[in-house]
Every structure is written in structure tokens, then in C-alpha cells.
């Protein structure tokens, strides 16, 4: 997959929890998001979108913001052993301003509450140079075990023609 974003540069040493299953083998986030845990338990990140994700003149196609939010907010579900423990149940992005290409963007995500297996995670995306709010996100992630992925594999096998 061509991520369409430029790497913003490492701000912290990479950690295993920073990468999804698709990114672990290459040791880098495919969408170019650099993220780190804050002392308060929130997750911060930085990214610079490249020209190859340009939608309107000088701004990204909005779908890339959703991908970046999904990556960042999902990191806020990481368990104490550094293992992602949840999958995306819902994600809503509110676009406040057009998101520019070729300018550093900073992000933050935090857990709002937990209800049974559901974790409610919110986030924001800001222009690094002025702190202008570009987009916000609200999400729900559901805690799962490895059995979740096995059940999906079994279900998918049943969907193939005989």
C-alpha cells in the first residue's frame, strides 16, 4: 500500500507497540505517523502529509486523516504489556479546516472512558506552526483476544465460493 505520506522523522525510539501487524515486519508505520506515549497516558503524534495524498489544491484527501486518526487512537488502547488489545468499532472524524500538505501536523489522543469491553477514545489534529485545530475524532474500540482474529479467519473461509 502506498501510504501517501512522508515520514515526519523519529521523535522517539521505535517501540513494538507502535506498529500494527502490517507495519511490524518493516519496522516503520506505513502511513508515516510517529507517535509516543505521554506521562498522562495520552498518545501524541506527528506527521507531514506529502503531495501524493493531495485532494483539493494544497490540502489532503480527507480519507487520509481518518487513517491517521485510526492509527493514533488505536495506540491509546495499548495494554500494559505494550500489546494492542482492541479493534476499531467506530470512528467519526469532524473536519474543522482543510488539512494542508507539506506542513507538520501534531496529534493527540486520549481515553475518555471505558464501558465493559468498549474504550472511548477522542483525538485532535492541529497545525504544528500555529496550533490551529484542523480536525477532531471520536472513536470506540472494542477489546478482543487472539480468538477474535481466528473467528474472522474461519468466517472469511466460509465466504469463498466452493
C-alpha atoms as a PDB file:
ATOM      1  CA  UNK A   1       0.000   0.000   0.000  1.00  0.00           C
ATOM      2  CA  UNK A   2       1.326   3.423  -0.868  1.00  0.00           C
ATOM      3  CA  UNK A   3       0.699   5.409   2.275  1.00  0.00           C
ATOM      4  CA  UNK A   4       0.849   8.770   0.573  1.00  0.00           C
ATOM      5  CA  UNK A   5       2.553  10.489   3.477  1.00  0.00           C
ATOM      6  CA  UNK A   6       6.093  11.489   4.196  1.00  0.00           C
ATOM      7  CA  UNK A   7       7.800  10.332   7.382  1.00  0.00           C
ATOM      8  CA  UNK A   8       7.887  13.184   9.870  1.00  0.00           C
ATOM      9  CA  UNK A   9      11.104  11.835  11.369  1.00  0.00           C
ATOM     10  CA  UNK A  10      11.662   9.851  14.527  1.00  0.00           C
ATOM     11  CA  UNK A  11      10.881  11.749  17.702  1.00  0.00           C
ATOM     12  CA  UNK A  12      11.350   8.750  19.977  1.00  0.00           C
ATOM     13  CA  UNK A  13      12.929   5.348  19.660  1.00  0.00           C
ATOM     14  CA  UNK A  14      10.518   2.938  17.946  1.00  0.00           C
ATOM     15  CA  UNK A  15       8.743   0.521  20.241  1.00  0.00           C
ATOM     16  CA  UNK A  16       6.997  -2.710  19.317  1.00  0.00           C
ATOM     17  CA  UNK A  17       3.573  -1.305  20.301  1.00  0.00           C
ATOM     18  CA  UNK A  18       3.895   1.439  17.724  1.00  0.00           C
ATOM     19  CA  UNK A  19       3.340  -0.911  14.823  1.00  0.00           C
ATOM     20  CA  UNK A  20       0.302  -2.849  13.639  1.00  0.00           C
ATOM     21  CA  UNK A  21       0.687  -6.341  12.177  1.00  0.00           C
ATOM     22  CA  UNK A  22       1.256  -4.917   8.694  1.00  0.00           C
ATOM     23  CA  UNK A  23       3.958  -2.492   9.821  1.00  0.00           C
ATOM     24  CA  UNK A  24       5.933  -4.680  12.258  1.00  0.00           C
ATOM     25  CA  UNK A  25       7.880  -6.536   9.523  1.00  0.00           C
ATOM     26  CA  UNK A  26       9.182  -3.293   8.023  1.00  0.00           C
ATOM     27  CA  UNK A  27       9.760  -1.626  11.414  1.00  0.00           C
ATOM     28  CA  UNK A  28       8.028   1.580  10.395  1.00  0.00           C
ATOM     29  CA  UNK A  29       4.494   2.943  10.229  1.00  0.00           C
ATOM     30  CA  UNK A  30       3.225   2.694   6.636  1.00  0.00           C
ATOM     31  CA  UNK A  31       1.229   5.912   6.974  1.00  0.00           C
ATOM     32  CA  UNK A  32       4.265   7.826   8.264  1.00  0.00           C
ATOM     33  CA  UNK A  33       2.877   8.553  11.728  1.00  0.00           C
ATOM     34  CA  UNK A  34       5.413   8.921  14.509  1.00  0.00           C
ATOM     35  CA  UNK A  35       3.782   8.518  17.929  1.00  0.00           C
ATOM     36  CA  UNK A  36       4.708   8.332  21.574  1.00  0.00           C
ATOM     37  CA  UNK A  37       3.070   7.831  24.961  1.00  0.00           C
ATOM     38  CA  UNK A  38       2.778  10.829  27.254  1.00  0.00           C
ATOM     39  CA  UNK A  39       3.177  10.650  31.028  1.00  0.00           C
ATOM     40  CA  UNK A  40      -0.561  11.253  31.491  1.00  0.00           C
ATOM     41  CA  UNK A  41      -1.397   8.163  29.410  1.00  0.00           C
ATOM     42  CA  UNK A  42      -2.406  10.060  26.281  1.00  0.00           C
ATOM     43  CA  UNK A  43      -0.723   9.439  22.928  1.00  0.00           C
ATOM     44  CA  UNK A  44       0.877  12.182  20.821  1.00  0.00           C
ATOM     45  CA  UNK A  45       1.988  12.039  17.220  1.00  0.00           C
ATOM     46  CA  UNK A  46       3.459  13.959  14.331  1.00  0.00           C
ATOM     47  CA  UNK A  47       3.070  13.626  10.578  1.00  0.00           C
ATOM     48  CA  UNK A  48       3.664  15.623   7.411  1.00  0.00           C
ATOM     49  CA  UNK A  49       1.376  14.701   4.505  1.00  0.00           C
ATOM     50  CA  UNK A  50       3.000  14.610   1.071  1.00  0.00           C
ATOM     51  CA  UNK A  51       1.759  15.812  -2.324  1.00  0.00           C
ATOM     52  CA  UNK A  52       0.727  12.284  -3.281  1.00  0.00           C
ATOM     53  CA  UNK A  53      -2.293  12.495  -0.934  1.00  0.00           C
ATOM     54  CA  UNK A  54      -3.405  15.890  -2.196  1.00  0.00           C
ATOM     55  CA  UNK A  55      -7.166  16.124  -2.706  1.00  0.00           C
ATOM     56  CA  UNK A  56      -8.001  19.773  -3.259  1.00  0.00           C
ATOM     57  CA  UNK A  57      -5.207  22.225  -4.093  1.00  0.00           C
ATOM     58  CA  UNK A  58      -2.686  22.194  -1.238  1.00  0.00           C
ATOM     59  CA  UNK A  59      -4.789  20.002   1.081  1.00  0.00           C
ATOM     60  CA  UNK A  60      -5.087  16.285   1.751  1.00  0.00           C
ATOM     61  CA  UNK A  61      -7.884  13.978   0.697  1.00  0.00           C
ATOM     62  CA  UNK A  62      -9.926  13.603   3.901  1.00  0.00           C
ATOM     63  CA  UNK A  63      -9.700   9.831   3.976  1.00  0.00           C
ATOM     64  CA  UNK A  64      -6.036  10.061   4.915  1.00  0.00           C
ATOM     65  CA  UNK A  65      -6.949  11.964   8.072  1.00  0.00           C
ATOM     66  CA  UNK A  66      -9.266   9.098   9.024  1.00  0.00           C
ATOM     67  CA  UNK A  67      -6.480   6.541   8.509  1.00  0.00           C
ATOM     68  CA  UNK A  68      -4.081   8.564  10.662  1.00  0.00           C
ATOM     69  CA  UNK A  69      -6.689   9.004  13.393  1.00  0.00           C
ATOM     70  CA  UNK A  70      -7.413   5.261  13.369  1.00  0.00           C
ATOM     71  CA  UNK A  71      -3.711   4.548  13.861  1.00  0.00           C
ATOM     72  CA  UNK A  72      -3.240   7.141  16.610  1.00  0.00           C
ATOM     73  CA  UNK A  73      -6.444   6.469  18.539  1.00  0.00           C
ATOM     74  CA  UNK A  74      -5.830   2.743  18.353  1.00  0.00           C
ATOM     75  CA  UNK A  75      -2.484   3.272  20.046  1.00  0.00           C
ATOM     76  CA  UNK A  76      -4.347   4.658  23.068  1.00  0.00           C
ATOM     77  CA  UNK A  77      -5.827   1.163  23.598  1.00  0.00           C
ATOM     78  CA  UNK A  78      -2.433  -0.448  24.118  1.00  0.00           C
ATOM     79  CA  UNK A  79      -2.281  -2.681  27.166  1.00  0.00           C
ATOM     80  CA  UNK A  80       0.307  -2.621  29.922  1.00  0.00           C
ATOM     81  CA  UNK A  81       2.475  -5.194  28.154  1.00  0.00           C
ATOM     82  CA  UNK A  82       2.581  -2.957  25.078  1.00  0.00           C
ATOM     83  CA  UNK A  83       0.186  -5.152  23.107  1.00  0.00           C
ATOM     84  CA  UNK A  84      -2.758  -3.666  21.212  1.00  0.00           C
ATOM     85  CA  UNK A  85      -5.863  -5.073  22.850  1.00  0.00           C
ATOM     86  CA  UNK A  86      -8.731  -3.676  20.788  1.00  0.00           C
ATOM     87  CA  UNK A  87     -10.128  -3.200  17.301  1.00  0.00           C
ATOM     88  CA  UNK A  88     -11.959  -0.231  15.827  1.00  0.00           C
ATOM     89  CA  UNK A  89     -15.713  -0.392  16.355  1.00  0.00           C
ATOM     90  CA  UNK A  90     -16.495   3.135  15.160  1.00  0.00           C
ATOM     91  CA  UNK A  91     -14.595   6.234  14.101  1.00  0.00           C
ATOM     92  CA  UNK A  92     -16.058   9.663  13.406  1.00  0.00           C
ATOM     93  CA  UNK A  93     -13.904  12.494  12.069  1.00  0.00           C
ATOM     94  CA  UNK A  94     -15.005  16.125  12.280  1.00  0.00           C
ATOM     95  CA  UNK A  95     -13.108  18.276   9.797  1.00  0.00           C
ATOM     96  CA  UNK A  96     -12.692  21.829  11.137  1.00  0.00           C
ATOM     97  CA  UNK A  97     -10.330  23.228   8.500  1.00  0.00           C
ATOM     98  CA  UNK A  98      -8.732  21.865   5.338  1.00  0.00           C
ATOM     99  CA  UNK A  99      -5.635  19.860   6.305  1.00  0.00           C
ATOM    100  CA  UNK A 100      -2.560  21.114   4.448  1.00  0.00           C
ATOM    101  CA  UNK A 101       0.072  19.038   2.709  1.00  0.00           C
ATOM    102  CA  UNK A 102       3.799  19.579   3.289  1.00  0.00           C
ATOM    103  CA  UNK A 103       3.351  21.140   6.735  1.00  0.00           C
ATOM    104  CA  UNK A 104       3.972  19.428  10.070  1.00  0.00           C
ATOM    105  CA  UNK A 105       0.812  18.283  11.841  1.00  0.00           C
ATOM    106  CA  UNK A 106       0.646  17.323  15.521  1.00  0.00           C
ATOM    107  CA  UNK A 107      -1.909  14.948  17.002  1.00  0.00           C
ATOM    108  CA  UNK A 108      -3.093  13.839  20.405  1.00  0.00           C
ATOM    109  CA  UNK A 109      -5.411  11.028  21.551  1.00  0.00           C
ATOM    110  CA  UNK A 110      -6.769  10.186  24.982  1.00  0.00           C
ATOM    111  CA  UNK A 111      -9.083   7.652  26.573  1.00  0.00           C
ATOM    112  CA  UNK A 112     -12.354   9.276  27.663  1.00  0.00           C
ATOM    113  CA  UNK A 113     -13.903   6.277  29.392  1.00  0.00           C
ATOM    114  CA  UNK A 114     -14.251   2.523  29.337  1.00  0.00           C
ATOM    115  CA  UNK A 115     -17.551   0.661  29.412  1.00  0.00           C
ATOM    116  CA  UNK A 116     -17.365  -3.126  29.558  1.00  0.00           C
ATOM    117  CA  UNK A 117     -15.160  -4.077  26.568  1.00  0.00           C
ATOM    118  CA  UNK A 118     -15.531  -0.706  24.827  1.00  0.00           C
ATOM    119  CA  UNK A 119     -12.912   2.054  25.087  1.00  0.00           C
ATOM    120  CA  UNK A 120     -14.000   5.554  24.062  1.00  0.00           C
ATOM    121  CA  UNK A 121     -11.013   7.404  22.606  1.00  0.00           C
ATOM    122  CA  UNK A 122     -11.004  11.012  21.355  1.00  0.00           C
ATOM    123  CA  UNK A 123      -8.345  12.840  19.398  1.00  0.00           C
ATOM    124  CA  UNK A 124      -7.361  16.043  17.675  1.00  0.00           C
ATOM    125  CA  UNK A 125      -5.183  17.111  14.772  1.00  0.00           C
ATOM    126  CA  UNK A 126      -3.512  20.532  14.792  1.00  0.00           C
ATOM    127  CA  UNK A 127      -1.224  22.559  12.561  1.00  0.00           C
ATOM    128  CA  UNK A 128       2.164  22.475  14.310  1.00  0.00           C
ATOM    129  CA  UNK A 129       3.149  26.032  13.400  1.00  0.00           C
ATOM    130  CA  UNK A 130       0.097  27.774  14.881  1.00  0.00           C
ATOM    131  CA  UNK A 131      -1.723  25.126  16.966  1.00  0.00           C
ATOM    132  CA  UNK A 132      -4.817  25.726  14.780  1.00  0.00           C
ATOM    133  CA  UNK A 133      -7.386  22.938  15.184  1.00  0.00           C
ATOM    134  CA  UNK A 134      -7.797  21.055  11.885  1.00  0.00           C
ATOM    135  CA  UNK A 135      -9.860  18.007  12.849  1.00  0.00           C
ATOM    136  CA  UNK A 136     -11.187  16.058  15.810  1.00  0.00           C
ATOM    137  CA  UNK A 137     -12.135  12.416  16.136  1.00  0.00           C
ATOM    138  CA  UNK A 138     -14.334  10.297  18.355  1.00  0.00           C
ATOM    139  CA  UNK A 139     -13.981   6.545  18.416  1.00  0.00           C
ATOM    140  CA  UNK A 140     -14.948   3.350  20.137  1.00  0.00           C
ATOM    141  CA  UNK A 141     -12.516   0.440  20.248  1.00  0.00           C
ATOM    142  CA  UNK A 142     -13.606  -2.985  21.473  1.00  0.00           C
ATOM    143  CA  UNK A 143     -11.256  -5.176  23.481  1.00  0.00           C
ATOM    144  CA  UNK A 144     -10.529  -8.526  21.840  1.00  0.00           C
ATOM    145  CA  UNK A 145      -8.398 -11.614  22.287  1.00  0.00           C
ATOM    146  CA  UNK A 146      -6.451 -13.536  19.650  1.00  0.00           C
ATOM    147  CA  UNK A 147      -9.576 -15.688  19.250  1.00  0.00           C
ATOM    148  CA  UNK A 148     -11.254 -12.691  17.557  1.00  0.00           C
ATOM    149  CA  UNK A 149      -8.878 -12.935  14.603  1.00  0.00           C
ATOM    150  CA  UNK A 150      -9.191 -16.716  14.392  1.00  0.00           C
ATOM    151  CA  UNK A 151     -13.002 -16.423  14.260  1.00  0.00           C
ATOM    152  CA  UNK A 152     -12.671 -13.865  11.471  1.00  0.00           C
ATOM    153  CA  UNK A 153     -10.383 -16.164   9.505  1.00  0.00           C
ATOM    154  CA  UNK A 154     -12.896 -19.005   9.885  1.00  0.00           C
ATOM    155  CA  UNK A 155     -15.804 -16.771   8.865  1.00  0.00           C
ATOM    156  CA  UNK A 156     -13.924 -15.483   5.826  1.00  0.00           C
ATOM    157  CA  UNK A 157     -13.144 -19.028   4.683  1.00  0.00           C
ATOM    158  CA  UNK A 158     -16.879 -19.729   4.642  1.00  0.00           C
ATOM    159  CA  UNK A 159     -17.482 -16.744   2.342  1.00  0.00           C
ATOM    160  CA  UNK A 160     -15.421 -18.140  -0.520  1.00  0.00           C
ATOM    161  CA  UNK A 161     -17.233 -19.947  -3.321  1.00  0.00           C
ATOM    162  CA  UNK A 162     -16.941 -23.747  -3.210  1.00  0.00           C
END
